[in-house]
Amino acid sequence: MGDPFILFAGIVATVLFLVGYGLTIKEMRELEDERVTDSFPEESNAEIKK
């Protein structure tokens, strides 16, 4: 394996990591937004008491 192949593999791995990290952060923000509201989706009738 030559240096260009290793460099290309590193770039691909970095891009995949950043995409996965971004999706994870997006998902965490959506979960935080859901906790701020006073009720859950309709399949649950629980309410958050502050």
N, C-alpha and C. Protein backbone atom coordinates (compact mmCIF):
# COMPACT_ATOMS: atom_id res chain seq x y z
N MET A 1 0.85 -1.19 0.00
CA MET A 1 0.00 0.00 0.00
C MET A 1 0.88 1.24 0.00
N GLY A 2 0.55 2.12 -0.89
CA GLY A 2 1.35 3.33 -0.99
C GLY A 2 0.80 4.46 -0.14
N ASP A 3 1.57 5.51 -0.06
CA ASP A 3 1.16 6.67 0.72
C ASP A 3 -0.14 7.31 0.22
N PRO A 4 -0.37 7.42 -1.08
CA PRO A 4 -1.64 8.02 -1.54
C PRO A 4 -2.87 7.24 -1.05
N PHE A 5 -2.77 5.92 -1.02
CA PHE A 5 -3.90 5.12 -0.56
C PHE A 5 -4.18 5.37 0.92
N ILE A 6 -3.12 5.44 1.72
CA ILE A 6 -3.27 5.69 3.15
C ILE A 6 -3.86 7.07 3.39
N LEU A 7 -3.41 8.06 2.64
CA LEU A 7 -3.94 9.42 2.76
C LEU A 7 -5.42 9.45 2.39
N PHE A 8 -5.79 8.79 1.29
CA PHE A 8 -7.19 8.75 0.86
C PHE A 8 -8.05 8.06 1.92
N ALA A 9 -7.58 6.95 2.47
CA ALA A 9 -8.33 6.23 3.50
C ALA A 9 -8.51 7.10 4.74
N GLY A 10 -7.51 7.86 5.09
CA GLY A 10 -7.60 8.76 6.24
C GLY A 10 -8.62 9.86 6.01
N ILE A 11 -8.63 10.42 4.81
CA ILE A 11 -9.59 11.48 4.49
C ILE A 11 -11.01 10.93 4.53
N VAL A 12 -11.23 9.74 3.95
CA VAL A 12 -12.56 9.13 3.95
C VAL A 12 -13.01 8.85 5.38
N ALA A 13 -12.13 8.31 6.21
CA ALA A 13 -12.47 8.02 7.60
C ALA A 13 -12.82 9.29 8.36
N THR A 14 -12.07 10.36 8.11
CA THR A 14 -12.34 11.63 8.78
C THR A 14 -13.70 12.19 8.38
N VAL A 15 -14.02 12.15 7.10
CA VAL A 15 -15.31 12.65 6.63
C VAL A 15 -16.46 11.84 7.24
N LEU A 16 -16.32 10.52 7.25
CA LEU A 16 -17.37 9.68 7.84
C LEU A 16 -17.53 9.96 9.33
N PHE A 17 -16.43 10.17 10.03
CA PHE A 17 -16.49 10.50 11.45
C PHE A 17 -17.22 11.82 11.68
N LEU A 18 -16.89 12.84 10.89
CA LEU A 18 -17.52 14.14 11.06
C LEU A 18 -19.01 14.09 10.75
N VAL A 19 -19.41 13.34 9.73
CA VAL A 19 -20.82 13.20 9.40
C VAL A 19 -21.56 12.50 10.55
N GLY A 20 -20.99 11.43 11.06
CA GLY A 20 -21.61 10.72 12.18
C GLY A 20 -21.69 11.58 13.42
N TYR A 21 -20.64 12.34 13.70
CA TYR A 21 -20.63 13.23 14.86
C TYR A 21 -21.70 14.31 14.71
N GLY A 22 -21.82 14.87 13.52
CA GLY A 22 -22.84 15.90 13.29
C GLY A 22 -24.24 15.35 13.47
N LEU A 23 -24.50 14.15 12.98
CA LEU A 23 -25.81 13.54 13.15
C LEU A 23 -26.10 13.27 14.62
N THR A 24 -25.09 12.87 15.37
CA THR A 24 -25.27 12.60 16.79
C THR A 24 -25.62 13.89 17.53
N ILE A 25 -24.91 14.97 17.24
CA ILE A 25 -25.19 16.25 17.89
C ILE A 25 -26.60 16.71 17.54
N LYS A 26 -27.02 16.55 16.28
CA LYS A 26 -28.36 16.94 15.87
C LYS A 26 -29.41 16.16 16.66
N GLU A 27 -29.19 14.86 16.80
CA GLU A 27 -30.12 14.00 17.54
C GLU A 27 -30.19 14.41 19.01
N MET A 28 -29.06 14.74 19.61
CA MET A 28 -29.05 15.16 21.01
C MET A 28 -29.81 16.46 21.21
N ARG A 29 -29.67 17.39 20.26
CA ARG A 29 -30.39 18.66 20.36
C ARG A 29 -31.89 18.44 20.25
N GLU A 30 -32.32 17.53 19.38
CA GLU A 30 -33.75 17.23 19.27
C GLU A 30 -34.28 16.63 20.56
N LEU A 31 -33.50 15.77 21.21
CA LEU A 31 -33.92 15.19 22.48
C LEU A 31 -34.01 16.25 23.57
N GLU A 32 -33.07 17.20 23.58
CA GLU A 32 -33.12 18.29 24.55
C GLU A 32 -34.36 19.15 24.33
N ASP A 33 -34.70 19.43 23.07
CA ASP A 33 -35.88 20.21 22.76
C ASP A 33 -37.14 19.49 23.23
N GLU A 34 -37.16 18.17 23.10
CA GLU A 34 -38.31 17.40 23.52
C GLU A 34 -38.48 17.45 25.04
N ARG A 35 -37.38 17.49 25.77
CA ARG A 35 -37.45 17.55 27.24
C ARG A 35 -37.94 18.90 27.71
N VAL A 36 -37.74 19.95 26.93
CA VAL A 36 -38.16 21.29 27.34
C VAL A 36 -39.69 21.41 27.30
N THR A 37 -40.33 20.72 26.40
CA THR A 37 -41.78 20.81 26.29
C THR A 37 -42.45 20.17 27.50
N ASP A 38 -43.73 20.48 27.71
CA ASP A 38 -44.45 19.98 28.88
C ASP A 38 -45.09 18.63 28.67
N SER A 39 -45.09 18.12 27.47
CA SER A 39 -45.71 16.82 27.24
C SER A 39 -44.91 16.02 26.23
N PHE A 40 -45.11 14.72 26.26
CA PHE A 40 -44.45 13.81 25.34
C PHE A 40 -45.37 13.54 24.16
N PRO A 41 -44.90 12.81 23.15
CA PRO A 41 -45.78 12.45 22.04
C PRO A 41 -47.01 11.67 22.51
N GLU A 42 -47.98 11.58 21.66
CA GLU A 42 -49.29 11.08 22.06
C GLU A 42 -49.30 9.64 22.57
N GLU A 43 -48.26 8.84 22.29
CA GLU A 43 -48.26 7.48 22.81
C GLU A 43 -48.00 7.45 24.32
N SER A 44 -47.61 8.56 24.90
CA SER A 44 -47.42 8.64 26.34
C SER A 44 -48.27 9.78 26.89
N ASN A 45 -48.88 9.55 28.02
CA ASN A 45 -49.69 10.61 28.62
C ASN A 45 -49.01 11.24 29.84
N ALA A 46 -47.70 10.97 30.00
CA ALA A 46 -46.95 11.52 31.11
C ALA A 46 -46.62 12.99 30.84
N GLU A 47 -46.55 13.76 31.90
CA GLU A 47 -46.14 15.17 31.80
C GLU A 47 -44.98 15.42 32.72
N ILE A 48 -44.14 16.36 32.33
CA ILE A 48 -42.97 16.71 33.14
C ILE A 48 -43.41 17.69 34.22
N LYS A 49 -43.06 17.39 35.44
CA LYS A 49 -43.36 18.29 36.55
C LYS A 49 -42.08 19.01 36.92
N LYS A 50 -42.14 20.36 36.96
CA LYS A 50 -40.94 21.15 37.28
C LYS A 50 -40.99 21.65 38.70
